[in-house]
N, C-alpha and C. Protein backbone atom coordinates (compact mmCIF):
# COMPACT_ATOMS: atom_id res chain seq x y z
N UNK A 1 0.84 -1.20 0.00
CA UNK A 1 0.00 0.00 0.00
C UNK A 1 0.88 1.25 0.00
N UNK A 2 0.47 2.25 -0.75
CA UNK A 2 1.14 3.55 -0.78
C UNK A 2 0.37 4.50 0.13
N UNK A 3 1.08 5.19 1.01
CA UNK A 3 0.47 6.16 1.92
C UNK A 3 0.53 7.55 1.29
N UNK A 4 -0.63 8.17 1.10
CA UNK A 4 -0.72 9.56 0.63
C UNK A 4 -0.85 10.43 1.88
N UNK A 5 0.16 11.23 2.15
CA UNK A 5 0.25 11.95 3.42
C UNK A 5 -0.75 13.10 3.49
N UNK A 6 -1.60 13.07 4.51
CA UNK A 6 -2.59 14.11 4.75
C UNK A 6 -2.05 15.06 5.82
N UNK A 7 -1.73 16.29 5.39
CA UNK A 7 -1.29 17.30 6.35
C UNK A 7 -2.06 18.61 6.15
N UNK A 8 -3.28 18.45 5.60
CA UNK A 8 -4.18 19.58 5.49
C UNK A 8 -3.88 20.55 4.36
N UNK A 9 -3.19 20.09 3.30
CA UNK A 9 -2.80 20.99 2.22
C UNK A 9 -3.31 20.54 0.85
N UNK A 10 -4.58 20.23 0.75
CA UNK A 10 -5.25 20.09 -0.53
C UNK A 10 -4.95 18.89 -1.41
N UNK A 11 -5.72 18.70 -2.41
CA UNK A 11 -5.67 17.76 -3.55
C UNK A 11 -5.36 16.31 -3.19
N UNK A 12 -5.62 15.91 -1.95
CA UNK A 12 -5.30 14.55 -1.52
C UNK A 12 -6.16 13.51 -2.23
N UNK A 13 -7.45 13.74 -2.27
CA UNK A 13 -8.35 12.75 -2.86
C UNK A 13 -8.13 12.62 -4.37
N UNK A 14 -7.83 13.73 -5.02
CA UNK A 14 -7.60 13.65 -6.47
C UNK A 14 -6.33 12.85 -6.76
N UNK A 15 -5.33 12.97 -5.90
CA UNK A 15 -4.11 12.16 -6.06
C UNK A 15 -4.43 10.69 -5.83
N UNK A 16 -5.18 10.40 -4.77
CA UNK A 16 -5.56 9.02 -4.50
C UNK A 16 -6.35 8.43 -5.67
N UNK A 17 -7.30 9.19 -6.18
CA UNK A 17 -8.10 8.72 -7.31
C UNK A 17 -7.25 8.51 -8.56
N UNK A 18 -6.24 9.37 -8.73
CA UNK A 18 -5.33 9.20 -9.85
C UNK A 18 -4.60 7.87 -9.77
N UNK A 19 -4.14 7.52 -8.58
CA UNK A 19 -3.49 6.22 -8.39
C UNK A 19 -4.47 5.08 -8.68
N UNK A 20 -5.70 5.23 -8.21
CA UNK A 20 -6.70 4.19 -8.45
C UNK A 20 -6.94 3.99 -9.94
N UNK A 21 -7.04 5.08 -10.70
CA UNK A 21 -7.21 4.99 -12.15
C UNK A 21 -6.02 4.32 -12.82
N UNK A 22 -4.85 4.49 -12.20
CA UNK A 22 -3.64 3.89 -12.74
C UNK A 22 -3.46 2.44 -12.28
N UNK A 23 -4.41 1.95 -11.47
CA UNK A 23 -4.34 0.57 -10.99
C UNK A 23 -3.41 0.37 -9.82
N UNK A 24 -3.18 1.42 -9.05
CA UNK A 24 -2.26 1.36 -7.91
C UNK A 24 -3.02 1.63 -6.62
N UNK A 25 -2.83 0.78 -5.62
CA UNK A 25 -3.52 0.96 -4.33
C UNK A 25 -2.83 2.04 -3.51
N UNK A 26 -3.62 3.03 -3.10
CA UNK A 26 -3.10 4.12 -2.29
C UNK A 26 -4.18 4.55 -1.32
N UNK A 27 -3.77 4.96 -0.12
CA UNK A 27 -4.71 5.39 0.91
C UNK A 27 -4.24 6.70 1.53
N UNK A 28 -5.17 7.62 1.72
CA UNK A 28 -4.87 8.89 2.39
C UNK A 28 -4.80 8.65 3.88
N UNK A 29 -3.76 9.19 4.54
CA UNK A 29 -3.62 8.99 5.98
C UNK A 29 -2.96 10.20 6.64
N UNK A 30 -3.41 10.49 7.85
CA UNK A 30 -2.78 11.51 8.68
C UNK A 30 -2.05 10.91 9.86
N UNK A 31 -1.85 9.60 9.83
CA UNK A 31 -1.22 8.88 10.94
C UNK A 31 0.22 8.51 10.58
N UNK A 32 1.22 9.03 11.31
CA UNK A 32 2.61 8.68 11.04
C UNK A 32 2.88 7.18 11.06
N UNK A 33 2.12 6.44 11.87
CA UNK A 33 2.30 4.98 11.93
C UNK A 33 1.98 4.33 10.60
N UNK A 34 1.00 4.87 9.87
CA UNK A 34 0.67 4.34 8.55
C UNK A 34 1.81 4.56 7.57
N UNK A 35 2.48 5.70 7.69
CA UNK A 35 3.65 5.98 6.85
C UNK A 35 4.75 4.98 7.14
N UNK A 36 4.93 4.65 8.41
CA UNK A 36 5.94 3.66 8.80
C UNK A 36 5.66 2.30 8.18
N UNK A 37 4.38 1.94 8.10
CA UNK A 37 4.00 0.62 7.59
C UNK A 37 3.92 0.55 6.07
N UNK A 38 3.78 1.69 5.43
CA UNK A 38 3.54 1.72 3.98
C UNK A 38 4.76 1.25 3.20
N UNK A 39 4.48 0.72 2.01
CA UNK A 39 5.58 0.30 1.12
C UNK A 39 6.16 1.49 0.36
N UNK A 40 5.35 2.53 0.18
CA UNK A 40 5.78 3.75 -0.50
C UNK A 40 5.02 4.93 0.05
N UNK A 41 5.54 6.13 -0.17
CA UNK A 41 4.95 7.34 0.41
C UNK A 41 4.79 8.40 -0.68
N UNK A 42 3.65 9.10 -0.66
CA UNK A 42 3.41 10.22 -1.56
C UNK A 42 3.13 11.47 -0.73
N UNK A 43 3.84 12.54 -1.05
CA UNK A 43 3.67 13.81 -0.35
C UNK A 43 3.11 14.82 -1.35
N UNK A 44 1.78 14.97 -1.40
CA UNK A 44 1.18 15.94 -2.33
C UNK A 44 1.10 17.31 -1.65
N UNK A 45 0.36 18.21 -2.26
CA UNK A 45 0.16 19.49 -1.58
C UNK A 45 -0.08 20.65 -2.51
N UNK A 46 -0.93 21.58 -2.05
CA UNK A 46 -1.18 22.84 -2.72
C UNK A 46 -1.24 23.90 -1.63
N UNK A 47 -0.50 24.99 -1.79
CA UNK A 47 -0.54 26.04 -0.78
C UNK A 47 0.83 26.60 -0.49
N UNK A 48 1.00 27.12 0.72
CA UNK A 48 2.21 27.84 1.10
C UNK A 48 3.22 26.92 1.79
N UNK A 49 4.49 27.12 1.46
CA UNK A 49 5.59 26.31 1.98
C UNK A 49 5.62 26.34 3.51
N UNK A 50 5.56 27.53 4.10
CA UNK A 50 5.67 27.66 5.56
C UNK A 50 4.52 26.96 6.27
N UNK A 51 3.30 27.17 5.79
CA UNK A 51 2.14 26.52 6.40
C UNK A 51 2.27 25.00 6.32
N UNK A 52 2.73 24.53 5.17
CA UNK A 52 2.86 23.09 4.97
C UNK A 52 3.87 22.49 5.94
N UNK A 53 5.02 23.13 6.11
CA UNK A 53 6.02 22.60 7.03
C UNK A 53 5.51 22.63 8.47
N UNK A 54 4.81 23.69 8.84
CA UNK A 54 4.24 23.76 10.20
C UNK A 54 3.26 22.62 10.43
N UNK A 55 2.41 22.35 9.44
CA UNK A 55 1.43 21.27 9.56
C UNK A 55 2.10 19.90 9.63
N UNK A 56 3.11 19.70 8.80
CA UNK A 56 3.83 18.42 8.81
C UNK A 56 4.48 18.15 10.16
N UNK A 57 5.12 19.16 10.71
CA UNK A 57 5.79 18.99 12.01
C UNK A 57 4.77 18.77 13.12
N UNK A 58 3.68 19.53 13.09
CA UNK A 58 2.67 19.41 14.14
C UNK A 58 2.03 18.03 14.16
N UNK A 59 1.91 17.42 12.97
CA UNK A 59 1.28 16.11 12.87
C UNK A 59 2.26 14.95 13.05
N UNK A 60 3.53 15.27 13.23
CA UNK A 60 4.54 14.22 13.34
C UNK A 60 4.90 13.61 12.00
N UNK A 61 4.41 14.21 10.91
CA UNK A 61 4.63 13.65 9.58
C UNK A 61 6.00 14.01 9.01
N UNK A 62 6.58 15.12 9.41
CA UNK A 62 7.90 15.48 8.90
C UNK A 62 8.92 14.41 9.27
N UNK A 63 8.92 14.01 10.54
CA UNK A 63 9.84 12.96 10.99
C UNK A 63 9.53 11.63 10.31
N UNK A 64 8.24 11.32 10.16
CA UNK A 64 7.84 10.04 9.54
C UNK A 64 8.31 9.96 8.10
N UNK A 65 8.18 11.06 7.36
CA UNK A 65 8.60 11.08 5.96
C UNK A 65 10.12 10.93 5.86
N UNK A 66 10.85 11.63 6.71
CA UNK A 66 12.31 11.53 6.68
C UNK A 66 12.79 10.13 7.07
N UNK A 67 12.12 9.51 8.03
CA UNK A 67 12.48 8.13 8.40
C UNK A 67 12.22 7.18 7.24
N UNK A 68 11.12 7.40 6.52
CA UNK A 68 10.80 6.55 5.38
C UNK A 68 11.91 6.61 4.33
N UNK A 69 12.41 7.82 4.09
CA UNK A 69 13.50 7.98 3.12
C UNK A 69 14.77 7.29 3.60
N UNK A 70 15.08 7.43 4.88
CA UNK A 70 16.30 6.82 5.42
C UNK A 70 16.27 5.30 5.35
N UNK A 71 15.07 4.73 5.41
CA UNK A 71 14.96 3.27 5.33
C UNK A 71 14.85 2.78 3.89
N UNK A 72 14.91 3.70 2.92
CA UNK A 72 14.91 3.30 1.52
C UNK A 72 13.56 3.16 0.86
N UNK A 73 12.50 3.63 1.51
CA UNK A 73 11.18 3.54 0.88
C UNK A 73 11.08 4.54 -0.27
N UNK A 74 10.44 4.15 -1.36
CA UNK A 74 10.19 5.11 -2.44
C UNK A 74 9.28 6.24 -1.95
N UNK A 75 9.61 7.45 -2.37
CA UNK A 75 8.85 8.64 -2.00
C UNK A 75 8.62 9.48 -3.24
N UNK A 76 7.38 9.97 -3.40
CA UNK A 76 7.05 10.86 -4.51
C UNK A 76 6.46 12.14 -3.94
N UNK A 77 7.13 13.27 -4.18
CA UNK A 77 6.60 14.58 -3.81
C UNK A 77 5.97 15.24 -5.03
N UNK A 78 4.76 15.75 -4.88
CA UNK A 78 4.02 16.35 -6.00
C UNK A 78 3.75 17.82 -5.70
N UNK A 79 4.13 18.71 -6.63
CA UNK A 79 3.91 20.15 -6.55
C UNK A 79 4.52 20.71 -5.26
N UNK A 80 3.71 21.21 -4.34
CA UNK A 80 4.26 21.70 -3.07
C UNK A 80 5.01 20.59 -2.34
N UNK A 81 4.52 19.36 -2.44
CA UNK A 81 5.20 18.23 -1.81
C UNK A 81 6.61 18.03 -2.36
N UNK A 82 6.82 18.33 -3.64
CA UNK A 82 8.15 18.30 -4.24
C UNK A 82 9.03 19.38 -3.62
N UNK A 83 8.50 20.59 -3.53
CA UNK A 83 9.27 21.70 -2.99
C UNK A 83 9.69 21.48 -1.54
N UNK A 84 8.83 20.82 -0.77
CA UNK A 84 9.13 20.56 0.64
C UNK A 84 10.31 19.62 0.84
N UNK A 85 10.68 18.89 -0.20
CA UNK A 85 11.81 17.97 -0.08
C UNK A 85 13.14 18.72 0.04
N UNK A 86 13.16 20.00 -0.29
CA UNK A 86 14.40 20.77 -0.29
C UNK A 86 14.71 21.37 1.08
N UNK A 87 15.88 21.95 1.18
CA UNK A 87 16.37 22.43 2.48
C UNK A 87 15.61 23.65 2.98
N UNK A 88 15.14 24.49 2.06
CA UNK A 88 14.47 25.72 2.50
C UNK A 88 13.59 26.28 1.40
N UNK A 89 12.62 27.10 1.83
CA UNK A 89 11.76 27.83 0.91
C UNK A 89 11.74 29.29 1.30
N UNK A 90 11.56 30.19 0.33
CA UNK A 90 11.60 31.63 0.58
C UNK A 90 10.23 32.29 0.61
N UNK A 91 9.16 31.49 0.52
CA UNK A 91 7.81 32.05 0.57
C UNK A 91 7.51 32.54 1.98
N UNK A 92 7.10 33.80 2.10
CA UNK A 92 6.83 34.43 3.40
C UNK A 92 8.06 34.37 4.32
N UNK A 93 9.24 34.60 3.74
CA UNK A 93 10.47 34.55 4.52
C UNK A 93 11.09 33.16 4.46
N UNK A 94 12.24 33.02 5.08
CA UNK A 94 12.99 31.76 5.04
C UNK A 94 12.34 30.71 5.95
N UNK A 95 12.04 29.54 5.38
CA UNK A 95 11.49 28.43 6.15
C UNK A 95 12.27 27.17 5.83
N UNK A 96 12.69 26.45 6.85
CA UNK A 96 13.40 25.19 6.63
C UNK A 96 12.45 24.13 6.11
N UNK A 97 12.91 23.40 5.09
CA UNK A 97 12.15 22.29 4.55
C UNK A 97 12.58 20.97 5.16
N UNK A 98 12.27 19.89 4.48
CA UNK A 98 12.61 18.56 4.99
C UNK A 98 14.09 18.24 4.84
N UNK A 99 14.77 18.91 3.92
CA UNK A 99 16.21 18.74 3.78
C UNK A 99 16.63 17.42 3.14
N UNK A 100 15.72 16.80 2.40
CA UNK A 100 16.05 15.53 1.73
C UNK A 100 16.89 15.80 0.48
N UNK A 101 16.58 16.88 -0.23
CA UNK A 101 17.36 17.32 -1.38
C UNK A 101 18.06 18.63 -1.03
N UNK A 102 19.32 18.83 -1.46
CA UNK A 102 19.98 20.12 -1.24
C UNK A 102 19.46 21.16 -2.22
N UNK A 103 19.15 22.34 -1.72
CA UNK A 103 18.67 23.41 -2.58
C UNK A 103 17.60 24.25 -1.91
N UNK A 104 17.15 25.28 -2.62
CA UNK A 104 16.20 26.25 -2.10
C UNK A 104 15.06 26.45 -3.08
N UNK A 105 13.88 26.75 -2.55
CA UNK A 105 12.69 27.02 -3.37
C UNK A 105 12.48 28.53 -3.42
N UNK A 106 12.49 29.08 -4.65
CA UNK A 106 12.39 30.52 -4.83
C UNK A 106 11.25 30.89 -5.78
N UNK A 107 10.76 32.11 -5.65
CA UNK A 107 9.65 32.59 -6.48
C UNK A 107 10.10 32.77 -7.93
N UNK A 108 9.19 32.47 -8.84
CA UNK A 108 9.43 32.79 -10.23
C UNK A 108 9.60 34.29 -10.39
N UNK A 109 10.42 34.73 -11.34
CA UNK A 109 10.67 36.18 -11.48
C UNK A 109 9.42 36.96 -11.90
N UNK A 110 9.38 38.22 -11.50
CA UNK A 110 8.24 39.09 -11.81
C UNK A 110 8.16 39.44 -13.29
N UNK A 111 9.19 39.11 -14.05
CA UNK A 111 9.21 39.41 -15.48
C UNK A 111 8.31 38.47 -16.29
N UNK A 112 7.79 37.42 -15.64
CA UNK A 112 6.89 36.49 -16.32
C UNK A 112 5.58 36.41 -15.55
N UNK A 113 4.54 35.90 -16.20
CA UNK A 113 3.23 35.78 -15.57
C UNK A 113 3.27 34.72 -14.48
N UNK A 114 2.87 35.12 -13.28
CA UNK A 114 2.85 34.22 -12.12
C UNK A 114 1.43 34.20 -11.56
N UNK A 115 0.87 33.03 -11.27
CA UNK A 115 1.50 31.72 -11.31
C UNK A 115 1.65 31.15 -12.72
N UNK A 116 2.58 30.23 -12.83
CA UNK A 116 2.70 29.41 -14.04
C UNK A 116 1.55 28.41 -14.00
N UNK A 117 0.61 28.56 -14.92
CA UNK A 117 -0.60 27.72 -14.88
C UNK A 117 -0.91 27.22 -16.28
N UNK A 118 -1.02 25.89 -16.41
CA UNK A 118 -1.38 25.30 -17.68
C UNK A 118 -0.42 24.21 -18.10
N UNK A 119 -0.55 23.79 -19.34
CA UNK A 119 0.23 22.68 -19.87
C UNK A 119 1.59 23.17 -20.35
N UNK A 120 2.62 22.38 -20.02
CA UNK A 120 3.96 22.72 -20.48
C UNK A 120 4.79 21.44 -20.61
N UNK A 121 5.83 21.53 -21.42
CA UNK A 121 6.65 20.36 -21.72
C UNK A 121 7.74 20.14 -20.68
N UNK A 122 8.13 18.89 -20.54
CA UNK A 122 9.30 18.54 -19.74
C UNK A 122 10.40 18.03 -20.67
N UNK A 123 11.65 18.26 -20.25
CA UNK A 123 12.82 17.80 -21.00
C UNK A 123 13.59 16.82 -20.11
N UNK A 124 13.32 15.53 -20.24
CA UNK A 124 14.04 14.55 -19.41
C UNK A 124 15.54 14.62 -19.66
N UNK A 125 16.31 14.42 -18.57
CA UNK A 125 17.76 14.51 -18.65
C UNK A 125 18.44 13.15 -18.72
N UNK A 126 17.73 12.10 -18.36
CA UNK A 126 18.30 10.76 -18.37
C UNK A 126 17.17 9.74 -18.24
N UNK A 127 17.41 8.50 -18.62
CA UNK A 127 16.39 7.47 -18.40
C UNK A 127 16.16 7.24 -16.91
N UNK A 128 14.92 6.92 -16.57
CA UNK A 128 14.59 6.64 -15.17
C UNK A 128 13.30 5.83 -15.15
N UNK A 129 13.14 4.93 -14.18
CA UNK A 129 11.90 4.15 -14.10
C UNK A 129 10.64 5.01 -14.02
N UNK A 130 10.73 6.19 -13.42
CA UNK A 130 9.54 7.05 -13.31
C UNK A 130 9.12 7.58 -14.68
N UNK A 131 10.06 7.63 -15.61
CA UNK A 131 9.79 8.18 -16.94
C UNK A 131 9.59 7.09 -17.99
N UNK A 132 9.49 5.87 -17.55
CA UNK A 132 9.28 4.77 -18.50
C UNK A 132 8.02 5.00 -19.32
N UNK A 133 8.15 4.98 -20.65
CA UNK A 133 6.99 5.18 -21.51
C UNK A 133 6.57 6.63 -21.69
N UNK A 134 7.38 7.58 -21.18
CA UNK A 134 7.07 9.01 -21.31
C UNK A 134 7.99 9.61 -22.38
N UNK A 135 7.48 9.95 -23.55
CA UNK A 135 8.34 10.51 -24.61
C UNK A 135 8.91 11.87 -24.21
N UNK A 136 10.10 12.17 -24.69
CA UNK A 136 10.67 13.49 -24.48
C UNK A 136 9.77 14.55 -25.07
N UNK A 137 9.65 15.69 -24.40
CA UNK A 137 8.78 16.77 -24.87
C UNK A 137 7.32 16.60 -24.49
N UNK A 138 7.01 15.60 -23.67
CA UNK A 138 5.62 15.40 -23.23
C UNK A 138 5.16 16.57 -22.37
N UNK A 139 3.86 16.86 -22.41
CA UNK A 139 3.31 17.99 -21.66
C UNK A 139 2.51 17.52 -20.46
N UNK A 140 2.62 18.29 -19.38
CA UNK A 140 1.91 18.02 -18.13
C UNK A 140 1.34 19.32 -17.60
N UNK A 141 0.43 19.20 -16.60
CA UNK A 141 -0.30 20.37 -16.11
C UNK A 141 0.40 20.95 -14.87
N UNK A 142 0.72 22.24 -14.94
CA UNK A 142 1.43 22.96 -13.88
C UNK A 142 0.53 24.03 -13.25
N UNK A 143 0.67 24.21 -11.94
CA UNK A 143 0.11 25.36 -11.23
C UNK A 143 1.06 25.69 -10.09
N UNK A 144 1.87 26.74 -10.24
CA UNK A 144 2.82 27.07 -9.17
C UNK A 144 3.40 28.46 -9.39
N UNK A 145 3.88 29.05 -8.30
CA UNK A 145 4.53 30.37 -8.34
C UNK A 145 5.98 30.30 -7.91
N UNK A 146 6.39 29.17 -7.35
CA UNK A 146 7.75 28.98 -6.86
C UNK A 146 8.38 27.77 -7.54
N UNK A 147 9.71 27.80 -7.64
CA UNK A 147 10.43 26.70 -8.27
C UNK A 147 11.59 26.27 -7.39
N UNK A 148 11.90 24.99 -7.44
CA UNK A 148 13.03 24.45 -6.70
C UNK A 148 14.31 24.67 -7.50
N UNK A 149 15.38 25.01 -6.78
CA UNK A 149 16.70 25.18 -7.39
C UNK A 149 17.66 24.18 -6.74
N UNK A 150 17.79 22.98 -7.32
CA UNK A 150 18.66 21.96 -6.75
C UNK A 150 20.12 22.41 -6.76
N UNK A 151 20.84 22.07 -5.70
CA UNK A 151 22.25 22.45 -5.59
C UNK A 151 23.19 21.26 -5.81
N UNK A 152 22.62 20.12 -6.13
CA UNK A 152 23.43 18.93 -6.36
C UNK A 152 23.41 18.59 -7.85
N UNK A 153 24.59 18.47 -8.44
CA UNK A 153 24.68 18.17 -9.86
C UNK A 153 24.04 16.81 -10.14
N UNK A 154 23.22 16.78 -11.18
CA UNK A 154 22.56 15.54 -11.55
C UNK A 154 21.27 15.25 -10.82
N UNK A 155 20.88 16.11 -9.87
CA UNK A 155 19.65 15.88 -9.12
C UNK A 155 18.41 16.12 -10.00
N UNK A 156 18.50 17.09 -10.89
CA UNK A 156 17.36 17.38 -11.78
C UNK A 156 17.15 16.22 -12.74
N UNK A 157 15.93 15.72 -12.78
CA UNK A 157 15.58 14.63 -13.69
C UNK A 157 14.96 15.17 -14.99
N UNK A 158 14.33 16.34 -14.91
CA UNK A 158 13.77 16.99 -16.10
C UNK A 158 13.71 18.49 -15.87
N UNK A 159 13.78 19.23 -16.97
CA UNK A 159 13.66 20.69 -16.92
C UNK A 159 12.44 21.12 -17.73
N UNK A 160 11.94 22.32 -17.41
CA UNK A 160 10.84 22.94 -18.13
C UNK A 160 11.18 24.41 -18.37
N UNK A 161 10.80 24.92 -19.54
CA UNK A 161 11.00 26.33 -19.87
C UNK A 161 9.70 27.10 -19.64
N UNK A 162 9.80 28.14 -18.80
CA UNK A 162 8.68 29.07 -18.63
C UNK A 162 9.27 30.42 -18.25
N UNK A 163 9.78 31.12 -19.24
CA UNK A 163 10.49 32.37 -18.97
C UNK A 163 11.88 32.10 -18.44
N UNK A 164 11.97 31.16 -17.54
CA UNK A 164 13.25 30.65 -17.04
C UNK A 164 13.23 29.13 -17.19
N UNK A 165 14.39 28.53 -17.14
CA UNK A 165 14.51 27.07 -17.18
C UNK A 165 14.61 26.57 -15.75
N UNK A 166 13.68 25.72 -15.34
CA UNK A 166 13.69 25.24 -13.96
C UNK A 166 13.58 23.72 -13.90
N UNK A 167 13.99 23.16 -12.79
CA UNK A 167 13.95 21.71 -12.58
C UNK A 167 12.52 21.30 -12.25
N UNK A 168 11.83 20.74 -13.23
CA UNK A 168 10.44 20.34 -13.01
C UNK A 168 10.33 18.93 -12.43
N UNK A 169 11.45 18.19 -12.41
CA UNK A 169 11.51 16.88 -11.76
C UNK A 169 12.90 16.73 -11.15
N UNK A 170 12.95 16.04 -10.02
CA UNK A 170 14.23 15.73 -9.38
C UNK A 170 14.18 14.30 -8.87
N UNK A 171 15.32 13.67 -8.79
CA UNK A 171 15.36 12.28 -8.33
C UNK A 171 16.73 11.93 -7.78
N UNK A 172 16.72 11.18 -6.70
CA UNK A 172 17.93 10.59 -6.15
C UNK A 172 17.54 9.29 -5.46
N UNK A 173 18.22 8.22 -5.83
CA UNK A 173 17.85 6.89 -5.34
C UNK A 173 16.39 6.63 -5.69
N UNK A 174 15.54 6.36 -4.69
CA UNK A 174 14.12 6.13 -4.96
C UNK A 174 13.25 7.28 -4.46
N UNK A 175 13.84 8.45 -4.33
CA UNK A 175 13.10 9.65 -3.92
C UNK A 175 12.89 10.54 -5.14
N UNK A 176 11.64 10.87 -5.42
CA UNK A 176 11.27 11.65 -6.60
C UNK A 176 10.48 12.89 -6.20
N UNK A 177 10.67 13.95 -6.97
CA UNK A 177 9.83 15.13 -6.84
C UNK A 177 9.43 15.62 -8.22
N UNK A 178 8.16 16.00 -8.37
CA UNK A 178 7.66 16.52 -9.65
C UNK A 178 6.85 17.78 -9.39
N UNK A 179 7.14 18.83 -10.17
CA UNK A 179 6.46 20.11 -9.96
C UNK A 179 5.05 20.11 -10.54
N UNK A 180 4.80 19.35 -11.58
CA UNK A 180 3.49 19.31 -12.21
C UNK A 180 2.54 18.38 -11.46
N UNK A 181 1.28 18.39 -11.87
CA UNK A 181 0.26 17.56 -11.24
C UNK A 181 -0.05 16.36 -12.14
N UNK A 182 0.45 15.18 -11.84
CA UNK A 182 0.16 14.02 -12.68
C UNK A 182 -1.32 13.64 -12.66
N UNK A 183 -1.98 13.87 -11.53
CA UNK A 183 -3.39 13.51 -11.41
C UNK A 183 -4.29 14.39 -12.27
N UNK A 184 -3.74 15.50 -12.80
CA UNK A 184 -4.49 16.40 -13.68
C UNK A 184 -3.93 16.39 -15.10
N UNK A 185 -3.06 15.44 -15.39
CA UNK A 185 -2.31 15.45 -16.65
C UNK A 185 -2.67 14.29 -17.58
N UNK A 186 -3.92 13.88 -17.55
CA UNK A 186 -4.45 12.91 -18.50
C UNK A 186 -3.66 11.59 -18.49
N UNK A 187 -3.54 10.98 -19.66
CA UNK A 187 -2.99 9.62 -19.76
C UNK A 187 -1.54 9.56 -19.31
N UNK A 188 -0.72 10.53 -19.73
CA UNK A 188 0.69 10.48 -19.36
C UNK A 188 0.90 10.73 -17.87
N UNK A 189 0.03 11.55 -17.27
CA UNK A 189 0.11 11.76 -15.83
C UNK A 189 -0.17 10.48 -15.07
N UNK A 190 -1.19 9.75 -15.52
CA UNK A 190 -1.50 8.47 -14.88
C UNK A 190 -0.37 7.47 -15.09
N UNK A 191 0.33 7.57 -16.22
CA UNK A 191 1.47 6.70 -16.46
C UNK A 191 2.59 6.97 -15.45
N UNK A 192 2.81 8.22 -15.12
CA UNK A 192 3.79 8.57 -14.08
C UNK A 192 3.42 7.91 -12.75
N UNK A 193 2.13 7.99 -12.39
CA UNK A 193 1.68 7.39 -11.13
C UNK A 193 1.83 5.87 -11.18
N UNK A 194 1.51 5.27 -12.30
CA UNK A 194 1.67 3.82 -12.46
C UNK A 194 3.14 3.43 -12.34
N UNK A 195 4.00 4.22 -12.96
CA UNK A 195 5.44 3.94 -12.88
C UNK A 195 5.94 4.00 -11.44
N UNK A 196 5.44 4.98 -10.67
CA UNK A 196 5.85 5.05 -9.27
C UNK A 196 5.36 3.82 -8.52
N UNK A 197 4.13 3.40 -8.80
CA UNK A 197 3.62 2.18 -8.17
C UNK A 197 4.50 0.99 -8.47
N UNK A 198 5.03 0.91 -9.68
CA UNK A 198 5.92 -0.19 -10.05
C UNK A 198 7.27 -0.10 -9.35
N UNK A 199 7.76 1.13 -9.14
CA UNK A 199 8.98 1.31 -8.35
C UNK A 199 8.77 0.75 -6.94
N UNK A 200 7.61 1.06 -6.36
CA UNK A 200 7.31 0.58 -5.00
C UNK A 200 7.23 -0.94 -4.99
N UNK A 201 6.59 -1.53 -5.97
CA UNK A 201 6.45 -3.00 -6.02
C UNK A 201 7.80 -3.70 -6.11
N UNK A 202 8.76 -3.08 -6.78
CA UNK A 202 10.06 -3.71 -6.96
C UNK A 202 10.94 -3.66 -5.73
N UNK A 203 10.57 -2.84 -4.76
CA UNK A 203 11.41 -2.68 -3.55
C UNK A 203 11.21 -3.85 -2.57
């Protein structure tokens, strides 16, 4: 079973339903013990970085997610959940993140329309199980005002152009982050979720 972490930051049920459509069993939970027992973990989210980190810590989920990573469980961060994997975010001042990936989350520049909303292409940087069956240049649905800036060479799994070039996917070992919403990205989005389910099954 994959645990979809509930920390009060939106789109949980749509993510769960996306997994169901992809043929993958997933359950929404706010209990850290469920994260401990799960074979894989998904950290979704819509909203503000600081609020999300406060909610995660208050619920005991920040520690549970970090322990899951340390034990080698596959983890998928989606949108805000991807950004929380980094060391810090600059929304509403400096806020420490989960620190799983080195880097900082910063606002898109004022020279472009913010938020970045709609369909946009990804440019994969290397083969990866999460991208199995996803052609280069495929489009996915984005809604965000901040972008992650990885500080580790090779951490970015895909880039996207939107006024600036940013890391729209990151991966290390079995930990993944994606800036777009796979649950809102039609057939290819569901393929991403199915691929993650297969990563979990192989562990």
